Amino acid sequence: MCYVRQKNLKGLGDAIACAEKHTGGEPFAVLLGDSITKSAKPCTKQLIDVFNKYKKPAISIREVPCDKVCSYGIVDGDKIDENTYKITQLIEKPKRNQASSNLAILGRYILTEDIFDRIKETKPGFNGEIQLTDAMSKLEKIYGVKFTGKVFNIENRLEWIKSSIDYAMADDEFKDDLVSYMKTFVG
């Protein structure tokens, strides 16, 4: 395992490109740190299963309220089964009336080495950055896996606190102490 530091903030596509020499031509996972996921079957495992089945990139998606589509990369596609889509369209942070669905990219990816060539072909897009969504739209095939579980978008402090509470409540070591502590705040 390794990490790479992006020297200049030029977008997620550029950040992924910084890791090219570390992937060894092998498929690789990308997990964005501002989304915390929780489920019986981990989000990345759900993606790996779809990748292993189709041997093509897989990204995690989830439904978001229509008024929030402008905050996410949005996909559309053909439903293959209950939670899997063959993606036909990706667009980065569309205006509400430009979104063909409310299926948002969650921030978990299994990608293959061909993404690096697609990133090199991608011109700056939304916010003048190299968007991974724009590069992925140039891939031959990509699958979306509708995540089954909880998602905490910890870009804001309330969601970060909720994620901490949720995980603590699931831990027998901390649950009772946390409940006792929280009772001091609520009547």
N, C-alpha and C. Protein backbone atom coordinates (compact mmCIF):
# COMPACT_ATOMS: atom_id res chain seq x y z
N MET A 1 0.84 -1.16 0.00
CA MET A 1 0.00 0.00 0.00
C MET A 1 0.90 1.24 0.00
N CYS A 2 0.43 2.26 -0.72
CA CYS A 2 1.17 3.51 -0.76
C CYS A 2 0.19 4.66 -0.91
N TYR A 3 0.68 5.83 -0.70
CA TYR A 3 -0.13 7.00 -0.99
C TYR A 3 0.72 7.97 -1.78
N VAL A 4 0.04 8.82 -2.53
CA VAL A 4 0.72 9.80 -3.36
C VAL A 4 0.11 11.16 -3.03
N ARG A 5 0.96 12.13 -2.95
CA ARG A 5 0.50 13.49 -2.65
C ARG A 5 0.41 14.29 -3.95
N GLN A 6 -0.73 14.88 -4.18
CA GLN A 6 -0.94 15.73 -5.35
C GLN A 6 -0.33 17.10 -5.05
N LYS A 7 0.65 17.51 -5.86
CA LYS A 7 1.38 18.76 -5.58
C LYS A 7 0.54 20.00 -5.83
N ASN A 8 -0.26 19.98 -6.88
CA ASN A 8 -1.13 21.12 -7.20
C ASN A 8 -2.56 20.61 -7.33
N LEU A 9 -3.49 21.33 -6.76
CA LEU A 9 -4.89 20.90 -6.80
C LEU A 9 -5.48 21.16 -8.18
N LYS A 10 -5.47 20.11 -9.01
CA LYS A 10 -5.98 20.23 -10.38
C LYS A 10 -7.16 19.30 -10.63
N GLY A 11 -7.76 18.76 -9.58
CA GLY A 11 -8.91 17.89 -9.74
C GLY A 11 -8.60 16.44 -9.41
N LEU A 12 -9.67 15.67 -9.24
CA LEU A 12 -9.53 14.27 -8.88
C LEU A 12 -8.86 13.46 -9.99
N GLY A 13 -9.16 13.78 -11.24
CA GLY A 13 -8.50 13.07 -12.33
C GLY A 13 -6.99 13.22 -12.27
N ASP A 14 -6.54 14.43 -12.02
CA ASP A 14 -5.11 14.69 -11.88
C ASP A 14 -4.53 13.95 -10.68
N ALA A 15 -5.27 13.91 -9.58
CA ALA A 15 -4.80 13.19 -8.39
C ALA A 15 -4.62 11.71 -8.69
N ILE A 16 -5.55 11.12 -9.42
CA ILE A 16 -5.45 9.70 -9.79
C ILE A 16 -4.24 9.50 -10.70
N ALA A 17 -4.03 10.41 -11.62
CA ALA A 17 -2.88 10.29 -12.54
C ALA A 17 -1.55 10.26 -11.79
N CYS A 18 -1.48 10.93 -10.65
CA CYS A 18 -0.25 10.94 -9.84
C CYS A 18 0.12 9.55 -9.35
N ALA A 19 -0.83 8.63 -9.31
CA ALA A 19 -0.59 7.29 -8.78
C ALA A 19 -0.25 6.27 -9.86
N GLU A 20 -0.19 6.69 -11.11
CA GLU A 20 -0.02 5.73 -12.21
C GLU A 20 1.16 4.79 -12.01
N LYS A 21 2.33 5.31 -11.65
CA LYS A 21 3.51 4.46 -11.56
C LYS A 21 3.44 3.47 -10.40
N HIS A 22 2.49 3.66 -9.50
CA HIS A 22 2.38 2.78 -8.34
C HIS A 22 1.39 1.64 -8.53
N THR A 23 0.65 1.63 -9.63
CA THR A 23 -0.37 0.59 -9.81
C THR A 23 0.18 -0.66 -10.49
N GLY A 24 1.33 -0.55 -11.13
CA GLY A 24 1.92 -1.72 -11.77
C GLY A 24 1.05 -2.32 -12.86
N GLY A 25 0.18 -1.52 -13.46
CA GLY A 25 -0.69 -2.02 -14.51
C GLY A 25 -1.83 -2.87 -14.00
N GLU A 26 -1.96 -2.98 -12.70
CA GLU A 26 -3.01 -3.80 -12.08
C GLU A 26 -4.25 -2.95 -11.79
N PRO A 27 -5.43 -3.59 -11.70
CA PRO A 27 -6.61 -2.85 -11.24
C PRO A 27 -6.33 -2.31 -9.83
N PHE A 28 -6.95 -1.19 -9.51
CA PHE A 28 -6.71 -0.56 -8.22
C PHE A 28 -7.97 0.08 -7.68
N ALA A 29 -8.01 0.23 -6.36
CA ALA A 29 -9.16 0.83 -5.70
C ALA A 29 -8.85 2.28 -5.35
N VAL A 30 -9.85 3.13 -5.46
CA VAL A 30 -9.78 4.51 -5.01
C VAL A 30 -10.92 4.71 -4.01
N LEU A 31 -10.57 5.17 -2.82
CA LEU A 31 -11.56 5.43 -1.78
C LEU A 31 -11.38 6.87 -1.32
N LEU A 32 -12.33 7.72 -1.63
CA LEU A 32 -12.23 9.12 -1.24
C LEU A 32 -12.56 9.25 0.24
N GLY A 33 -11.74 10.01 0.93
CA GLY A 33 -11.83 10.12 2.37
C GLY A 33 -12.99 10.93 2.91
N ASP A 34 -13.72 11.65 2.05
CA ASP A 34 -14.82 12.46 2.57
C ASP A 34 -16.15 11.72 2.63
N SER A 35 -16.14 10.44 2.24
CA SER A 35 -17.32 9.60 2.37
C SER A 35 -16.98 8.39 3.23
N ILE A 36 -17.75 8.21 4.28
CA ILE A 36 -17.60 7.03 5.14
C ILE A 36 -18.78 6.12 4.82
N THR A 37 -18.48 4.87 4.55
CA THR A 37 -19.54 3.92 4.23
C THR A 37 -19.60 2.85 5.30
N LYS A 38 -20.80 2.33 5.51
CA LYS A 38 -20.98 1.28 6.50
C LYS A 38 -22.05 0.32 6.00
N SER A 39 -21.69 -0.96 5.97
CA SER A 39 -22.64 -1.98 5.54
C SER A 39 -22.14 -3.35 5.96
N ALA A 40 -23.03 -4.33 5.93
CA ALA A 40 -22.65 -5.70 6.28
C ALA A 40 -21.58 -6.20 5.32
N LYS A 41 -21.75 -5.91 4.03
CA LYS A 41 -20.75 -6.25 3.02
C LYS A 41 -20.08 -4.94 2.63
N PRO A 42 -18.79 -4.77 2.94
CA PRO A 42 -18.13 -3.48 2.69
C PRO A 42 -18.30 -2.99 1.24
N CYS A 43 -18.38 -1.69 1.11
CA CYS A 43 -18.57 -1.05 -0.19
C CYS A 43 -17.52 -1.51 -1.21
N THR A 44 -16.26 -1.51 -0.82
CA THR A 44 -15.20 -1.91 -1.74
C THR A 44 -15.36 -3.36 -2.16
N LYS A 45 -15.80 -4.23 -1.25
CA LYS A 45 -16.03 -5.64 -1.60
C LYS A 45 -17.17 -5.75 -2.61
N GLN A 46 -18.20 -4.94 -2.47
CA GLN A 46 -19.29 -4.94 -3.45
C GLN A 46 -18.74 -4.60 -4.84
N LEU A 47 -17.84 -3.62 -4.90
CA LEU A 47 -17.23 -3.23 -6.18
C LEU A 47 -16.34 -4.33 -6.73
N ILE A 48 -15.53 -4.93 -5.87
CA ILE A 48 -14.62 -5.99 -6.31
C ILE A 48 -15.41 -7.15 -6.91
N ASP A 49 -16.53 -7.50 -6.29
CA ASP A 49 -17.36 -8.59 -6.82
C ASP A 49 -17.84 -8.29 -8.23
N VAL A 50 -18.30 -7.07 -8.47
CA VAL A 50 -18.76 -6.69 -9.82
C VAL A 50 -17.58 -6.63 -10.78
N PHE A 51 -16.45 -6.09 -10.34
CA PHE A 51 -15.26 -6.07 -11.20
C PHE A 51 -14.86 -7.49 -11.58
N ASN A 52 -14.83 -8.39 -10.63
CA ASN A 52 -14.45 -9.78 -10.92
C ASN A 52 -15.41 -10.46 -11.89
N LYS A 53 -16.68 -10.09 -11.83
CA LYS A 53 -17.68 -10.68 -12.73
C LYS A 53 -17.53 -10.17 -14.16
N TYR A 54 -17.32 -8.86 -14.34
CA TYR A 54 -17.31 -8.26 -15.67
C TYR A 54 -15.91 -7.89 -16.18
N LYS A 55 -14.91 -7.89 -15.31
CA LYS A 55 -13.53 -7.54 -15.68
C LYS A 55 -13.44 -6.14 -16.28
N LYS A 56 -14.25 -5.25 -15.77
CA LYS A 56 -14.29 -3.85 -16.19
C LYS A 56 -14.41 -2.96 -14.95
N PRO A 57 -14.02 -1.69 -15.08
CA PRO A 57 -14.12 -0.78 -13.93
C PRO A 57 -15.52 -0.76 -13.32
N ALA A 58 -15.54 -0.56 -12.01
CA ALA A 58 -16.80 -0.50 -11.27
C ALA A 58 -16.73 0.67 -10.30
N ILE A 59 -17.82 1.41 -10.22
CA ILE A 59 -17.89 2.55 -9.30
C ILE A 59 -19.13 2.41 -8.43
N SER A 60 -19.03 2.91 -7.23
CA SER A 60 -20.16 2.86 -6.32
C SER A 60 -21.07 4.06 -6.57
N ILE A 61 -22.36 3.80 -6.59
CA ILE A 61 -23.35 4.85 -6.81
C ILE A 61 -24.45 4.73 -5.75
N ARG A 62 -25.18 5.82 -5.58
CA ARG A 62 -26.34 5.80 -4.70
C ARG A 62 -27.31 6.88 -5.15
N GLU A 63 -28.56 6.71 -4.78
CA GLU A 63 -29.57 7.71 -5.09
C GLU A 63 -29.41 8.89 -4.14
N VAL A 64 -29.55 10.09 -4.70
CA VAL A 64 -29.55 11.31 -3.89
C VAL A 64 -30.81 12.10 -4.22
N PRO A 65 -31.24 12.98 -3.33
CA PRO A 65 -32.40 13.82 -3.65
C PRO A 65 -32.12 14.65 -4.91
N CYS A 66 -33.13 14.86 -5.71
CA CYS A 66 -32.95 15.58 -6.98
C CYS A 66 -32.34 16.97 -6.79
N ASP A 67 -32.62 17.61 -5.66
CA ASP A 67 -32.05 18.95 -5.45
C ASP A 67 -30.57 18.90 -5.08
N LYS A 68 -30.00 17.70 -4.94
CA LYS A 68 -28.58 17.55 -4.59
C LYS A 68 -27.72 17.07 -5.76
N VAL A 69 -28.31 16.80 -6.93
CA VAL A 69 -27.53 16.25 -8.05
C VAL A 69 -26.40 17.18 -8.47
N CYS A 70 -26.58 18.48 -8.28
CA CYS A 70 -25.54 19.44 -8.69
C CYS A 70 -24.30 19.36 -7.81
N SER A 71 -24.33 18.56 -6.77
CA SER A 71 -23.19 18.41 -5.87
C SER A 71 -22.36 17.16 -6.15
N TYR A 72 -22.77 16.35 -7.13
CA TYR A 72 -22.15 15.06 -7.36
C TYR A 72 -21.89 14.81 -8.85
N GLY A 73 -21.03 13.84 -9.11
CA GLY A 73 -20.98 13.25 -10.44
C GLY A 73 -22.21 12.37 -10.55
N ILE A 74 -22.94 12.48 -11.64
CA ILE A 74 -24.20 11.74 -11.82
C ILE A 74 -24.05 10.78 -12.99
N VAL A 75 -24.63 9.59 -12.82
CA VAL A 75 -24.57 8.58 -13.87
C VAL A 75 -25.97 8.18 -14.30
N ASP A 76 -26.03 7.61 -15.47
CA ASP A 76 -27.25 6.97 -15.95
C ASP A 76 -26.79 5.68 -16.61
N GLY A 77 -27.68 4.72 -16.71
CA GLY A 77 -27.28 3.47 -17.31
C GLY A 77 -28.40 2.47 -17.39
N ASP A 78 -28.05 1.32 -17.92
CA ASP A 78 -29.00 0.22 -18.07
C ASP A 78 -28.88 -0.69 -16.86
N LYS A 79 -30.00 -0.93 -16.21
CA LYS A 79 -30.02 -1.77 -15.02
C LYS A 79 -29.83 -3.22 -15.43
N ILE A 80 -28.82 -3.87 -14.84
CA ILE A 80 -28.51 -5.27 -15.14
C ILE A 80 -29.17 -6.19 -14.12
N ASP A 81 -29.10 -5.80 -12.86
CA ASP A 81 -29.78 -6.52 -11.80
C ASP A 81 -30.17 -5.51 -10.73
N GLU A 82 -30.57 -5.99 -9.58
CA GLU A 82 -31.10 -5.10 -8.54
C GLU A 82 -30.17 -3.95 -8.19
N ASN A 83 -28.85 -4.19 -8.16
CA ASN A 83 -27.91 -3.16 -7.73
C ASN A 83 -26.82 -2.83 -8.74
N THR A 84 -26.88 -3.35 -9.95
CA THR A 84 -25.80 -3.15 -10.93
C THR A 84 -26.33 -2.50 -12.20
N TYR A 85 -25.57 -1.51 -12.67
CA TYR A 85 -25.92 -0.80 -13.90
C TYR A 85 -24.73 -0.82 -14.85
N LYS A 86 -24.99 -0.99 -16.12
CA LYS A 86 -23.98 -0.73 -17.14
C LYS A 86 -24.14 0.75 -17.46
N ILE A 87 -23.14 1.51 -17.12
CA ILE A 87 -23.26 2.97 -17.21
C ILE A 87 -23.16 3.43 -18.67
N THR A 88 -24.08 4.32 -19.03
CA THR A 88 -24.11 4.87 -20.38
C THR A 88 -23.79 6.36 -20.41
N GLN A 89 -23.87 7.00 -19.25
CA GLN A 89 -23.60 8.44 -19.21
C GLN A 89 -23.06 8.83 -17.84
N LEU A 90 -22.04 9.68 -17.85
CA LEU A 90 -21.50 10.27 -16.61
C LEU A 90 -21.38 11.76 -16.84
N ILE A 91 -21.77 12.55 -15.86
CA ILE A 91 -21.63 14.00 -15.97
C ILE A 91 -21.27 14.55 -14.58
N GLU A 92 -20.29 15.43 -14.54
CA GLU A 92 -19.82 16.00 -13.28
C GLU A 92 -20.67 17.19 -12.87
N LYS A 93 -21.29 17.10 -11.72
CA LYS A 93 -22.05 18.17 -11.09
C LYS A 93 -22.98 18.91 -12.07
N PRO A 94 -23.93 18.18 -12.66
CA PRO A 94 -24.84 18.83 -13.61
C PRO A 94 -25.84 19.73 -12.90
N LYS A 95 -26.38 20.68 -13.64
CA LYS A 95 -27.50 21.45 -13.13
C LYS A 95 -28.67 20.48 -13.01
N ARG A 96 -29.57 20.79 -12.12
CA ARG A 96 -30.69 19.87 -11.85
C ARG A 96 -31.43 19.47 -13.12
N ASN A 97 -31.65 20.42 -14.02
CA ASN A 97 -32.40 20.11 -15.26
C ASN A 97 -31.55 19.39 -16.30
N GLN A 98 -30.24 19.24 -16.07
CA GLN A 98 -29.37 18.51 -17.00
C GLN A 98 -29.10 17.08 -16.54
N ALA A 99 -29.52 16.74 -15.33
CA ALA A 99 -29.27 15.40 -14.80
C ALA A 99 -30.30 14.42 -15.33
N SER A 100 -29.82 13.33 -15.92
CA SER A 100 -30.73 12.33 -16.47
C SER A 100 -31.17 11.31 -15.42
N SER A 101 -30.58 11.39 -14.23
CA SER A 101 -30.98 10.51 -13.12
C SER A 101 -30.56 11.18 -11.82
N ASN A 102 -30.82 10.50 -10.73
CA ASN A 102 -30.34 10.97 -9.43
C ASN A 102 -29.37 9.96 -8.83
N LEU A 103 -28.68 9.20 -9.70
CA LEU A 103 -27.69 8.23 -9.25
C LEU A 103 -26.33 8.92 -9.18
N ALA A 104 -25.86 9.12 -7.97
CA ALA A 104 -24.63 9.88 -7.73
C ALA A 104 -23.45 8.94 -7.49
N ILE A 105 -22.29 9.38 -7.95
CA ILE A 105 -21.05 8.65 -7.69
C ILE A 105 -20.69 8.85 -6.23
N LEU A 106 -20.42 7.76 -5.55
CA LEU A 106 -20.23 7.77 -4.11
C LEU A 106 -18.80 8.07 -3.66
N GLY A 107 -17.81 7.86 -4.50
CA GLY A 107 -16.43 8.11 -4.07
C GLY A 107 -15.66 6.84 -3.78
N ARG A 108 -16.11 5.73 -4.36
CA ARG A 108 -15.42 4.45 -4.28
C ARG A 108 -15.34 3.90 -5.70
N TYR A 109 -14.12 3.50 -6.10
CA TYR A 109 -13.89 3.10 -7.48
C TYR A 109 -12.96 1.89 -7.54
N ILE A 110 -13.19 1.00 -8.49
CA ILE A 110 -12.21 0.01 -8.90
C ILE A 110 -11.91 0.37 -10.36
N LEU A 111 -10.68 0.79 -10.62
CA LEU A 111 -10.30 1.26 -11.95
C LEU A 111 -9.19 0.38 -12.53
N THR A 112 -9.03 0.49 -13.82
CA THR A 112 -7.98 -0.26 -14.54
C THR A 112 -7.02 0.73 -15.18
N GLU A 113 -5.91 0.23 -15.65
CA GLU A 113 -4.84 1.10 -16.14
C GLU A 113 -5.26 1.98 -17.31
N ASP A 114 -6.30 1.61 -18.06
CA ASP A 114 -6.72 2.44 -19.19
C ASP A 114 -7.26 3.81 -18.75
N ILE A 115 -7.57 3.96 -17.48
CA ILE A 115 -8.04 5.27 -17.00
C ILE A 115 -6.95 6.33 -17.15
N PHE A 116 -5.69 5.93 -17.06
CA PHE A 116 -4.61 6.91 -17.13
C PHE A 116 -4.54 7.58 -18.51
N ASP A 117 -4.74 6.80 -19.58
CA ASP A 117 -4.78 7.39 -20.92
C ASP A 117 -6.00 8.30 -21.07
N ARG A 118 -7.15 7.89 -20.49
CA ARG A 118 -8.35 8.72 -20.58
C ARG A 118 -8.16 10.03 -19.82
N ILE A 119 -7.45 9.98 -18.70
CA ILE A 119 -7.18 11.22 -17.94
C ILE A 119 -6.30 12.15 -18.77
N LYS A 120 -5.29 11.59 -19.44
CA LYS A 120 -4.40 12.42 -20.27
C LYS A 120 -5.16 13.09 -21.41
N GLU A 121 -6.22 12.45 -21.90
CA GLU A 121 -7.03 12.99 -23.00
C GLU A 121 -8.06 14.01 -22.51
N THR A 122 -8.24 14.11 -21.21
CA THR A 122 -9.32 14.92 -20.65
C THR A 122 -8.87 16.36 -20.42
N LYS A 123 -9.62 17.28 -20.97
CA LYS A 123 -9.35 18.70 -20.76
C LYS A 123 -10.01 19.14 -19.46
N PRO A 124 -9.52 20.20 -18.85
CA PRO A 124 -10.16 20.69 -17.63
C PRO A 124 -11.65 20.94 -17.86
N GLY A 125 -12.44 20.54 -16.89
CA GLY A 125 -13.90 20.68 -16.97
C GLY A 125 -14.42 21.53 -15.84
N PHE A 126 -15.36 20.99 -15.09
CA PHE A 126 -15.99 21.71 -13.99
C PHE A 126 -14.92 22.31 -13.08
N ASN A 127 -15.08 23.59 -12.78
CA ASN A 127 -14.13 24.34 -11.93
C ASN A 127 -12.73 24.41 -12.51
N GLY A 128 -12.58 24.16 -13.82
CA GLY A 128 -11.26 24.23 -14.44
C GLY A 128 -10.33 23.10 -14.02
N GLU A 129 -10.90 22.02 -13.51
CA GLU A 129 -10.11 20.89 -13.02
C GLU A 129 -10.24 19.68 -13.96
N ILE A 130 -9.27 18.78 -13.86
CA ILE A 130 -9.35 17.51 -14.58
C ILE A 130 -10.26 16.60 -13.76
N GLN A 131 -11.45 16.39 -14.26
CA GLN A 131 -12.45 15.62 -13.53
C GLN A 131 -12.33 14.13 -13.86
N LEU A 132 -12.29 13.30 -12.82
CA LEU A 132 -12.27 11.85 -13.02
C LEU A 132 -13.53 11.40 -13.73
N THR A 133 -14.66 12.01 -13.41
CA THR A 133 -15.92 11.67 -14.06
C THR A 133 -15.81 11.84 -15.57
N ASP A 134 -15.21 12.94 -16.03
CA ASP A 134 -15.05 13.18 -17.47
C ASP A 134 -14.15 12.12 -18.10
N ALA A 135 -13.09 11.74 -17.41
CA ALA A 135 -12.18 10.70 -17.93
C ALA A 135 -12.89 9.35 -17.98
N MET A 136 -13.65 9.02 -16.93
CA MET A 136 -14.36 7.74 -16.91
C MET A 136 -15.40 7.64 -18.02
N SER A 137 -15.96 8.79 -18.42
CA SER A 137 -16.98 8.76 -19.48
C SER A 137 -16.39 8.32 -20.82
N LYS A 138 -15.05 8.32 -20.93
CA LYS A 138 -14.38 7.90 -22.15
C LYS A 138 -14.00 6.42 -22.14
N LEU A 139 -14.26 5.73 -21.03
CA LEU A 139 -13.95 4.30 -20.96
C LEU A 139 -14.93 3.50 -21.82
N GLU A 140 -14.45 2.39 -22.33
CA GLU A 140 -15.29 1.53 -23.17
C GLU A 140 -16.50 1.02 -22.40
N LYS A 141 -16.27 0.49 -21.21
CA LYS A 141 -17.35 0.00 -20.36
C LYS A 141 -17.02 0.32 -18.91
N ILE A 142 -18.07 0.62 -18.17
CA ILE A 142 -17.93 0.86 -16.74
C ILE A 142 -19.26 0.48 -16.08
N TYR A 143 -19.16 -0.10 -14.91
CA TYR A 143 -20.35 -0.55 -14.20
C TYR A 143 -20.55 0.25 -12.93
N GLY A 144 -21.81 0.50 -12.62
CA GLY A 144 -22.17 1.17 -11.39
C GLY A 144 -22.79 0.17 -10.43
N VAL A 145 -22.38 0.24 -9.19
CA VAL A 145 -22.90 -0.66 -8.17
C VAL A 145 -23.64 0.20 -7.15
N LYS A 146 -24.94 0.00 -7.09
CA LYS A 146 -25.75 0.78 -6.15
C LYS A 146 -25.44 0.28 -4.74
N PHE A 147 -24.83 1.15 -3.96
CA PHE A 147 -24.36 0.78 -2.63
C PHE A 147 -25.53 0.51 -1.70
N THR A 148 -25.44 -0.60 -1.00
CA THR A 148 -26.45 -0.93 0.00
C THR A 148 -25.80 -0.75 1.37
N GLY A 149 -26.16 0.30 2.04
CA GLY A 149 -25.60 0.59 3.35
C GLY A 149 -25.73 2.07 3.66
N LYS A 150 -25.11 2.49 4.75
CA LYS A 150 -25.15 3.88 5.17
C LYS A 150 -23.97 4.64 4.58
N VAL A 151 -24.22 5.91 4.27
CA VAL A 151 -23.17 6.79 3.77
C VAL A 151 -23.18 8.06 4.61
N PHE A 152 -21.99 8.44 5.05
CA PHE A 152 -21.82 9.69 5.77
C PHE A 152 -20.88 10.56 4.96
N ASN A 153 -21.39 11.70 4.49
CA ASN A 153 -20.57 12.63 3.73
C ASN A 153 -19.93 13.58 4.74
N ILE A 154 -18.70 13.28 5.12
CA ILE A 154 -18.09 14.01 6.23
C ILE A 154 -17.42 15.31 5.82
N GLU A 155 -17.85 15.85 4.67
CA GLU A 155 -17.40 17.20 4.31
C GLU A 155 -17.94 18.22 5.29
N ASN A 156 -19.04 17.86 5.97
CA ASN A 156 -19.56 18.78 6.98
C ASN A 156 -19.47 18.11 8.36
N ARG A 157 -19.33 18.92 9.37
CA ARG A 157 -19.06 18.41 10.73
C ARG A 157 -20.19 17.57 11.29
N LEU A 158 -21.44 17.91 10.99
CA LEU A 158 -22.55 17.14 11.53
C LEU A 158 -22.49 15.69 11.04
N GLU A 159 -22.23 15.50 9.75
CA GLU A 159 -22.12 14.13 9.22
C GLU A 159 -20.94 13.40 9.83
N TRP A 160 -19.85 14.10 10.08
CA TRP A 160 -18.69 13.48 10.72
C TRP A 160 -19.05 13.01 12.12
N ILE A 161 -19.77 13.84 12.85
CA ILE A 161 -20.20 13.47 14.21
C ILE A 161 -21.15 12.28 14.14
N LYS A 162 -22.11 12.32 13.21
CA LYS A 162 -23.05 11.20 13.06
C LYS A 162 -22.31 9.89 12.77
N SER A 163 -21.29 9.96 11.91
CA SER A 163 -20.56 8.73 11.58
C SER A 163 -19.85 8.18 12.81
N SER A 164 -19.27 9.07 13.61
CA SER A 164 -18.59 8.64 14.83
C SER A 164 -19.57 8.00 15.81
N ILE A 165 -20.73 8.62 15.98
CA ILE A 165 -21.75 8.07 16.87
C ILE A 165 -22.24 6.72 16.37
N ASP A 166 -22.51 6.63 15.07
CA ASP A 166 -23.01 5.39 14.50
C ASP A 166 -22.04 4.23 14.74
N TYR A 167 -20.76 4.47 14.48
CA TYR A 167 -19.76 3.42 14.70
C TYR A 167 -19.60 3.10 16.19
N ALA A 168 -19.65 4.12 17.04
CA ALA A 168 -19.51 3.88 18.49
C ALA A 168 -20.71 3.09 19.03
N MET A 169 -21.90 3.37 18.52
CA MET A 169 -23.09 2.65 18.98
C MET A 169 -23.08 1.18 18.56
N ALA A 170 -22.32 0.87 17.54
CA ALA A 170 -22.22 -0.52 17.08
C ALA A 170 -21.11 -1.28 17.80
N ASP A 171 -20.38 -0.59 18.67
CA ASP A 171 -19.25 -1.19 19.37
C ASP A 171 -19.62 -1.42 20.84
N ASP A 172 -19.69 -2.67 21.23
CA ASP A 172 -20.09 -3.00 22.60
C ASP A 172 -19.20 -2.37 23.65
N GLU A 173 -17.95 -2.12 23.31
CA GLU A 173 -17.02 -1.53 24.26
C GLU A 173 -17.40 -0.07 24.59
N PHE A 174 -17.97 0.66 23.65
CA PHE A 174 -18.23 2.08 23.83
C PHE A 174 -19.71 2.45 23.96
N LYS A 175 -20.60 1.59 23.52
CA LYS A 175 -22.01 1.92 23.41
C LYS A 175 -22.60 2.44 24.73
N ASP A 176 -22.47 1.68 25.81
CA ASP A 176 -23.10 2.09 27.07
C ASP A 176 -22.54 3.40 27.60
N ASP A 177 -21.23 3.57 27.50
CA ASP A 177 -20.63 4.83 27.97
C ASP A 177 -21.10 6.01 27.12
N LEU A 178 -21.23 5.80 25.82
CA LEU A 178 -21.69 6.87 24.95
C LEU A 178 -23.13 7.25 25.27
N VAL A 179 -23.99 6.25 25.46
CA VAL A 179 -25.39 6.52 25.79
C VAL A 179 -25.47 7.30 27.10
N SER A 180 -24.70 6.89 28.11
CA SER A 180 -24.70 7.61 29.40
C SER A 180 -24.24 9.05 29.20
N TYR A 181 -23.21 9.24 28.43
CA TYR A 181 -22.70 10.59 28.18
C TYR A 181 -23.75 11.43 27.44
N MET A 182 -24.37 10.88 26.44
CA MET A 182 -25.35 11.65 25.64
C MET A 182 -26.58 12.02 26.50
N LYS A 183 -26.91 11.19 27.49
CA LYS A 183 -28.06 11.49 28.36
C LYS A 183 -27.82 12.77 29.17
N THR A 184 -26.58 13.14 29.35
CA THR A 184 -26.31 14.41 30.06
C THR A 184 -26.71 15.62 29.24
N PHE A 185 -26.91 15.43 27.94
CA PHE A 185 -27.28 16.55 27.06
C PHE A 185 -28.77 16.58 26.73
N VAL A 186 -29.45 15.45 26.84
CA VAL A 186 -30.85 15.39 26.47
C VAL A 186 -31.68 15.03 27.69
N GLY A 187 -32.87 15.58 27.75
CA GLY A 187 -33.69 15.41 28.94
C GLY A 187 -34.44 14.17 29.03
